[in-house]
Amino acid sequence: MATYRILDPAGDVSDTGDFASAEDAVTWFRNHEPRKGELGWRAEVKDDEGEWHYFEDSEEYDA
């Protein structure tokens, strides 16, 4: 399991979750984003050392 977090456009953590697959995390992220076309939401994944890394963002999402 990997830990993921969603950051809003201001960089604040909106939600966190643990997922067995990256595909599940992408689905979770896309279902969490606002549908008003607000860009700047992003998802990050935590590595084994506890560092967060970019994973997905709302700029690439096509609703």
PDB file of N, CA and C in Angstrom:
ATOM      1  N   MET A   1       0.839  -1.180   0.000  1.00  0.00           N
ATOM      2  CA  MET A   1       0.000   0.000   0.000  1.00  0.00           C
ATOM      3  C   MET A   1       0.886   1.246   0.000  1.00  0.00           C
ATOM      4  N   ALA A   2       0.448   2.225  -0.750  1.00  0.00           N
ATOM      5  CA  ALA A   2       1.140   3.507  -0.778  1.00  0.00           C
ATOM      6  C   ALA A   2       0.189   4.580  -0.261  1.00  0.00           C
ATOM      7  N   THR A   3       0.755   5.623   0.330  1.00  0.00           N
ATOM      8  CA  THR A   3      -0.037   6.735   0.839  1.00  0.00           C
ATOM      9  C   THR A   3       0.006   7.872  -0.169  1.00  0.00           C
ATOM     10  N   TYR A   4      -1.173   8.417  -0.452  1.00  0.00           N
ATOM     11  CA  TYR A   4      -1.334   9.517  -1.392  1.00  0.00           C
ATOM     12  C   TYR A   4      -2.005  10.670  -0.665  1.00  0.00           C
ATOM     13  N   ARG A   5      -1.783  11.891  -1.168  1.00  0.00           N
ATOM     14  CA  ARG A   5      -2.496  13.041  -0.629  1.00  0.00           C
ATOM     15  C   ARG A   5      -2.905  13.953  -1.774  1.00  0.00           C
ATOM     16  N   ILE A   6      -3.986  14.686  -1.533  1.00  0.00           N
ATOM     17  CA  ILE A   6      -4.486  15.663  -2.496  1.00  0.00           C
ATOM     18  C   ILE A   6      -4.231  17.045  -1.918  1.00  0.00           C
ATOM     19  N   LEU A   7      -3.641  17.909  -2.744  1.00  0.00           N
ATOM     20  CA  LEU A   7      -3.370  19.289  -2.357  1.00  0.00           C
ATOM     21  C   LEU A   7      -4.258  20.213  -3.178  1.00  0.00           C
ATOM     22  N   ASP A   8      -4.847  21.213  -2.518  1.00  0.00           N
ATOM     23  CA  ASP A   8      -5.667  22.186  -3.233  1.00  0.00           C
ATOM     24  C   ASP A   8      -4.755  23.203  -3.921  1.00  0.00           C
ATOM     25  N   PRO A   9      -5.328  24.131  -4.706  1.00  0.00           N
ATOM     26  CA  PRO A   9      -4.485  25.101  -5.420  1.00  0.00           C
ATOM     27  C   PRO A   9      -3.599  25.957  -4.512  1.00  0.00           C
ATOM     28  N   ALA A  10      -3.977  26.113  -3.250  1.00  0.00           N
ATOM     29  CA  ALA A  10      -3.160  26.893  -2.311  1.00  0.00           C
ATOM     30  C   ALA A  10      -2.038  26.064  -1.695  1.00  0.00           C
ATOM     31  N   GLY A  11      -2.036  24.744  -1.958  1.00  0.00           N
ATOM     32  CA  GLY A  11      -1.003  23.868  -1.419  1.00  0.00           C
ATOM     33  C   GLY A  11      -1.363  23.217  -0.100  1.00  0.00           C
ATOM     34  N   ASP A  12      -2.611  23.402   0.344  1.00  0.00           N
ATOM     35  CA  ASP A  12      -3.066  22.779   1.588  1.00  0.00           C
ATOM     36  C   ASP A  12      -3.557  21.362   1.316  1.00  0.00           C
ATOM     37  N   VAL A  13      -3.317  20.455   2.254  1.00  0.00           N
ATOM     38  CA  VAL A  13      -3.760  19.066   2.108  1.00  0.00           C
ATOM     39  C   VAL A  13      -5.275  19.014   2.259  1.00  0.00           C
ATOM     40  N   SER A  14      -5.934  18.463   1.246  1.00  0.00           N
ATOM     41  CA  SER A  14      -7.384  18.334   1.238  1.00  0.00           C
ATOM     42  C   SER A  14      -7.836  16.958   1.708  1.00  0.00           C
ATOM     43  N   ASP A  15      -7.050  15.923   1.381  1.00  0.00           N
ATOM     44  CA  ASP A  15      -7.419  14.554   1.734  1.00  0.00           C
ATOM     45  C   ASP A  15      -6.189  13.665   1.614  1.00  0.00           C
ATOM     46  N   THR A  16      -6.210  12.535   2.308  1.00  0.00           N
ATOM     47  CA  THR A  16      -5.167  11.520   2.173  1.00  0.00           C
ATOM     48  C   THR A  16      -5.830  10.157   2.064  1.00  0.00           C
ATOM     49  N   GLY A  17      -5.123   9.212   1.454  1.00  0.00           N
ATOM     50  CA  GLY A  17      -5.650   7.859   1.333  1.00  0.00           C
ATOM     51  C   GLY A  17      -4.541   6.867   1.043  1.00  0.00           C
ATOM     52  N   ASP A  18      -4.797   5.605   1.358  1.00  0.00           N
ATOM     53  CA  ASP A  18      -3.856   4.518   1.085  1.00  0.00           C
ATOM     54  C   ASP A  18      -4.454   3.626   0.009  1.00  0.00           C
ATOM     55  N   PHE A  19      -3.665   3.326  -1.021  1.00  0.00           N
ATOM     56  CA  PHE A  19      -4.143   2.534  -2.150  1.00  0.00           C
ATOM     57  C   PHE A  19      -3.103   1.503  -2.558  1.00  0.00           C
ATOM     58  N   ALA A  20      -3.581   0.351  -3.004  1.00  0.00           N
ATOM     59  CA  ALA A  20      -2.707  -0.730  -3.444  1.00  0.00           C
ATOM     60  C   ALA A  20      -2.189  -0.483  -4.852  1.00  0.00           C
ATOM     61  N   SER A  21      -2.921   0.313  -5.652  1.00  0.00           N
ATOM     62  CA  SER A  21      -2.483   0.545  -7.030  1.00  0.00           C
ATOM     63  C   SER A  21      -2.563   2.028  -7.376  1.00  0.00           C
ATOM     64  N   ALA A  22      -1.699   2.448  -8.289  1.00  0.00           N
ATOM     65  CA  ALA A  22      -1.711   3.830  -8.758  1.00  0.00           C
ATOM     66  C   ALA A  22      -3.014   4.139  -9.485  1.00  0.00           C
ATOM     67  N   GLU A  23      -3.570   3.157 -10.182  1.00  0.00           N
ATOM     68  CA  GLU A  23      -4.828   3.360 -10.905  1.00  0.00           C
ATOM     69  C   GLU A  23      -5.950   3.731  -9.936  1.00  0.00           C
ATOM     70  N   ASP A  24      -6.009   3.044  -8.789  1.00  0.00           N
ATOM     71  CA  ASP A  24      -7.022   3.369  -7.776  1.00  0.00           C
ATOM     72  C   ASP A  24      -6.814   4.785  -7.237  1.00  0.00           C
ATOM     73  N   ALA A  25      -5.565   5.183  -7.061  1.00  0.00           N
ATOM     74  CA  ALA A  25      -5.267   6.526  -6.558  1.00  0.00           C
ATOM     75  C   ALA A  25      -5.679   7.593  -7.568  1.00  0.00           C
ATOM     76  N   VAL A  26      -5.459   7.349  -8.855  1.00  0.00           N
ATOM     77  CA  VAL A  26      -5.867   8.306  -9.888  1.00  0.00           C
ATOM     78  C   VAL A  26      -7.384   8.452  -9.892  1.00  0.00           C
ATOM     79  N   THR A  27      -8.104   7.341  -9.813  1.00  0.00           N
ATOM     80  CA  THR A  27      -9.570   7.390  -9.775  1.00  0.00           C
ATOM     81  C   THR A  27     -10.037   8.184  -8.563  1.00  0.00           C
ATOM     82  N   TRP A  28      -9.462   7.928  -7.397  1.00  0.00           N
ATOM     83  CA  TRP A  28      -9.792   8.661  -6.171  1.00  0.00           C
ATOM     84  C   TRP A  28      -9.554  10.152  -6.367  1.00  0.00           C
ATOM     85  N   PHE A  29      -8.408  10.512  -6.926  1.00  0.00           N
ATOM     86  CA  PHE A  29      -8.077  11.919  -7.155  1.00  0.00           C
ATOM     87  C   PHE A  29      -9.076  12.568  -8.103  1.00  0.00           C
ATOM     88  N   ARG A  30      -9.353  11.943  -9.204  1.00  0.00           N
ATOM     89  CA  ARG A  30     -10.263  12.529 -10.195  1.00  0.00           C
ATOM     90  C   ARG A  30     -11.689  12.646  -9.675  1.00  0.00           C
ATOM     91  N   ASN A  31     -12.104  11.751  -8.808  1.00  0.00           N
ATOM     92  CA  ASN A  31     -13.433  11.849  -8.207  1.00  0.00           C
ATOM     93  C   ASN A  31     -13.481  12.905  -7.102  1.00  0.00           C
ATOM     94  N   HIS A  32     -12.350  13.293  -6.586  1.00  0.00           N
ATOM     95  CA  HIS A  32     -12.259  14.263  -5.493  1.00  0.00           C
ATOM     96  C   HIS A  32     -12.207  15.700  -5.998  1.00  0.00           C
ATOM     97  N   GLU A  33     -11.643  15.911  -7.170  1.00  0.00           N
ATOM     98  CA  GLU A  33     -11.458  17.262  -7.694  1.00  0.00           C
ATOM     99  C   GLU A  33     -12.775  18.013  -7.845  1.00  0.00           C
ATOM    100  N   PRO A  34     -12.749  19.332  -7.677  1.00  0.00           N
ATOM    101  CA  PRO A  34     -13.942  20.126  -7.976  1.00  0.00           C
ATOM    102  C   PRO A  34     -14.267  20.025  -9.460  1.00  0.00           C
ATOM    103  N   ARG A  35     -15.515  20.064  -9.788  1.00  0.00           N
ATOM    104  CA  ARG A  35     -15.935  19.943 -11.189  1.00  0.00           C
ATOM    105  C   ARG A  35     -16.140  21.293 -11.861  1.00  0.00           C
ATOM    106  N   LYS A  36     -15.788  22.379 -11.190  1.00  0.00           N
ATOM    107  CA  LYS A  36     -16.007  23.711 -11.747  1.00  0.00           C
ATOM    108  C   LYS A  36     -14.861  24.147 -12.646  1.00  0.00           C
ATOM    109  N   GLY A  37     -13.980  23.239 -12.977  1.00  0.00           N
ATOM    110  CA  GLY A  37     -12.865  23.562 -13.851  1.00  0.00           C
ATOM    111  C   GLY A  37     -11.703  24.237 -13.149  1.00  0.00           C
ATOM    112  N   GLU A  38     -11.708  24.243 -11.829  1.00  0.00           N
ATOM    113  CA  GLU A  38     -10.616  24.865 -11.088  1.00  0.00           C
ATOM    114  C   GLU A  38      -9.344  24.043 -11.269  1.00  0.00           C
ATOM    115  N   LEU A  39      -8.318  24.684 -11.786  1.00  0.00           N
ATOM    116  CA  LEU A  39      -7.042  24.010 -11.996  1.00  0.00           C
ATOM    117  C   LEU A  39      -6.156  24.193 -10.771  1.00  0.00           C
ATOM    118  N   GLY A  40      -5.110  23.426 -10.706  1.00  0.00           N
ATOM    119  CA  GLY A  40      -4.139  23.579  -9.639  1.00  0.00           C
ATOM    120  C   GLY A  40      -4.212  22.526  -8.548  1.00  0.00           C
ATOM    121  N   TRP A  41      -5.241  21.667  -8.561  1.00  0.00           N
ATOM    122  CA  TRP A  41      -5.299  20.556  -7.618  1.00  0.00           C
ATOM    123  C   TRP A  41      -4.247  19.549  -8.036  1.00  0.00           C
ATOM    124  N   ARG A  42      -3.598  18.904  -7.069  1.00  0.00           N
ATOM    125  CA  ARG A  42      -2.582  17.912  -7.421  1.00  0.00           C
ATOM    126  C   ARG A  42      -2.549  16.791  -6.392  1.00  0.00           C
ATOM    127  N   ALA A  43      -2.026  15.669  -6.838  1.00  0.00           N
ATOM    128  CA  ALA A  43      -1.875  14.508  -5.963  1.00  0.00           C
ATOM    129  C   ALA A  43      -0.395  14.184  -5.850  1.00  0.00           C
ATOM    130  N   GLU A  44      -0.015  13.739  -4.663  1.00  0.00           N
ATOM    131  CA  GLU A  44       1.362  13.332  -4.405  1.00  0.00           C
ATOM    132  C   GLU A  44       1.353  11.970  -3.732  1.00  0.00           C
ATOM    133  N   VAL A  45       2.456  11.254  -3.897  1.00  0.00           N
ATOM    134  CA  VAL A  45       2.622   9.941  -3.268  1.00  0.00           C
ATOM    135  C   VAL A  45       3.845  10.004  -2.354  1.00  0.00           C
ATOM    136  N   LYS A  46       3.760   9.329  -1.219  1.00  0.00           N
ATOM    137  CA  LYS A  46       4.867   9.315  -0.252  1.00  0.00           C
ATOM    138  C   LYS A  46       5.770   8.122  -0.536  1.00  0.00           C
ATOM    139  N   ASP A  47       7.087   8.367  -0.605  1.00  0.00           N
ATOM    140  CA  ASP A  47       8.029   7.272  -0.833  1.00  0.00           C
ATOM    141  C   ASP A  47       8.416   6.617   0.496  1.00  0.00           C
ATOM    142  N   ASP A  48       9.262   5.607   0.425  1.00  0.00           N
ATOM    143  CA  ASP A  48       9.658   4.846   1.615  1.00  0.00           C
ATOM    144  C   ASP A  48      10.426   5.675   2.646  1.00  0.00           C
ATOM    145  N   GLU A  49      11.024   6.785   2.212  1.00  0.00           N
ATOM    146  CA  GLU A  49      11.761   7.658   3.127  1.00  0.00           C
ATOM    147  C   GLU A  49      10.872   8.749   3.716  1.00  0.00           C
ATOM    148  N   GLY A  50       9.594   8.775   3.331  1.00  0.00           N
ATOM    149  CA  GLY A  50       8.667   9.772   3.857  1.00  0.00           C
ATOM    150  C   GLY A  50       8.584  11.057   3.063  1.00  0.00           C
ATOM    151  N   GLU A  51       9.253  11.104   1.915  1.00  0.00           N
ATOM    152  CA  GLU A  51       9.213  12.284   1.050  1.00  0.00           C
ATOM    153  C   GLU A  51       8.010  12.197   0.112  1.00  0.00           C
ATOM    154  N   TRP A  52       7.387  13.349  -0.179  1.00  0.00           N
ATOM    155  CA  TRP A  52       6.243  13.407  -1.088  1.00  0.00           C
ATOM    156  C   TRP A  52       6.709  13.760  -2.494  1.00  0.00           C
ATOM    157  N   HIS A  53       6.069  13.133  -3.505  1.00  0.00           N
ATOM    158  CA  HIS A  53       6.417  13.361  -4.907  1.00  0.00           C
ATOM    159  C   HIS A  53       5.154  13.560  -5.730  1.00  0.00           C
ATOM    160  N   TYR A  54       5.248  14.494  -6.689  1.00  0.00           N
ATOM    161  CA  TYR A  54       4.144  14.766  -7.609  1.00  0.00           C
ATOM    162  C   TYR A  54       3.668  13.471  -8.261  1.00  0.00           C
ATOM    163  N   PHE A  55       2.350  13.342  -8.421  1.00  0.00           N
ATOM    164  CA  PHE A  55       1.777  12.136  -9.005  1.00  0.00           C
ATOM    165  C   PHE A  55       0.795  12.453 -10.132  1.00  0.00           C
ATOM    166  N   GLU A  56      -0.072  13.441  -9.940  1.00  0.00           N
ATOM    167  CA  GLU A  56      -1.131  13.761 -10.902  1.00  0.00           C
ATOM    168  C   GLU A  56      -1.605  15.177 -10.606  1.00  0.00           C
ATOM    169  N   ASP A  57      -2.146  15.885 -11.616  1.00  0.00           N
ATOM    170  CA  ASP A  57      -2.724  17.201 -11.347  1.00  0.00           C
ATOM    171  C   ASP A  57      -3.965  17.443 -12.184  1.00  0.00           C
ATOM    172  N   SER A  58      -4.751  18.446 -11.781  1.00  0.00           N
ATOM    173  CA  SER A  58      -6.010  18.748 -12.454  1.00  0.00           C
ATOM    174  C   SER A  58      -5.792  19.441 -13.783  1.00  0.00           C
ATOM    175  N   GLU A  59      -4.595  19.904 -14.059  1.00  0.00           N
ATOM    176  CA  GLU A  59      -4.317  20.579 -15.322  1.00  0.00           C
ATOM    177  C   GLU A  59      -4.371  19.611 -16.495  1.00  0.00           C
ATOM    178  N   GLU A  60      -4.145  18.327 -16.238  1.00  0.00           N
ATOM    179  CA  GLU A  60      -4.163  17.325 -17.300  1.00  0.00           C
ATOM    180  C   GLU A  60      -5.496  16.606 -17.397  1.00  0.00           C
ATOM    181  N   TYR A  61      -6.397  16.886 -16.465  1.00  0.00           N
ATOM    182  CA  TYR A  61      -7.672  16.174 -16.412  1.00  0.00           C
ATOM    183  C   TYR A  61      -8.666  16.796 -17.369  1.00  0.00           C
ATOM    184  N   ASP A  62      -9.311  15.992 -18.182  1.00  0.00           N
ATOM    185  CA  ASP A  62     -10.294  16.456 -19.153  1.00  0.00           C
ATOM    186  C   ASP A  62     -11.656  15.910 -18.754  1.00  0.00           C
ATOM    187  N   ALA A  63     -12.476  16.756 -18.131  1.00  0.00           N
ATOM    188  CA  ALA A  63     -13.786  16.303 -17.628  1.00  0.00           C
ATOM    189  C   ALA A  63     -14.772  16.050 -18.734  1.00  0.00           C
TER     190      ALA A  63
END
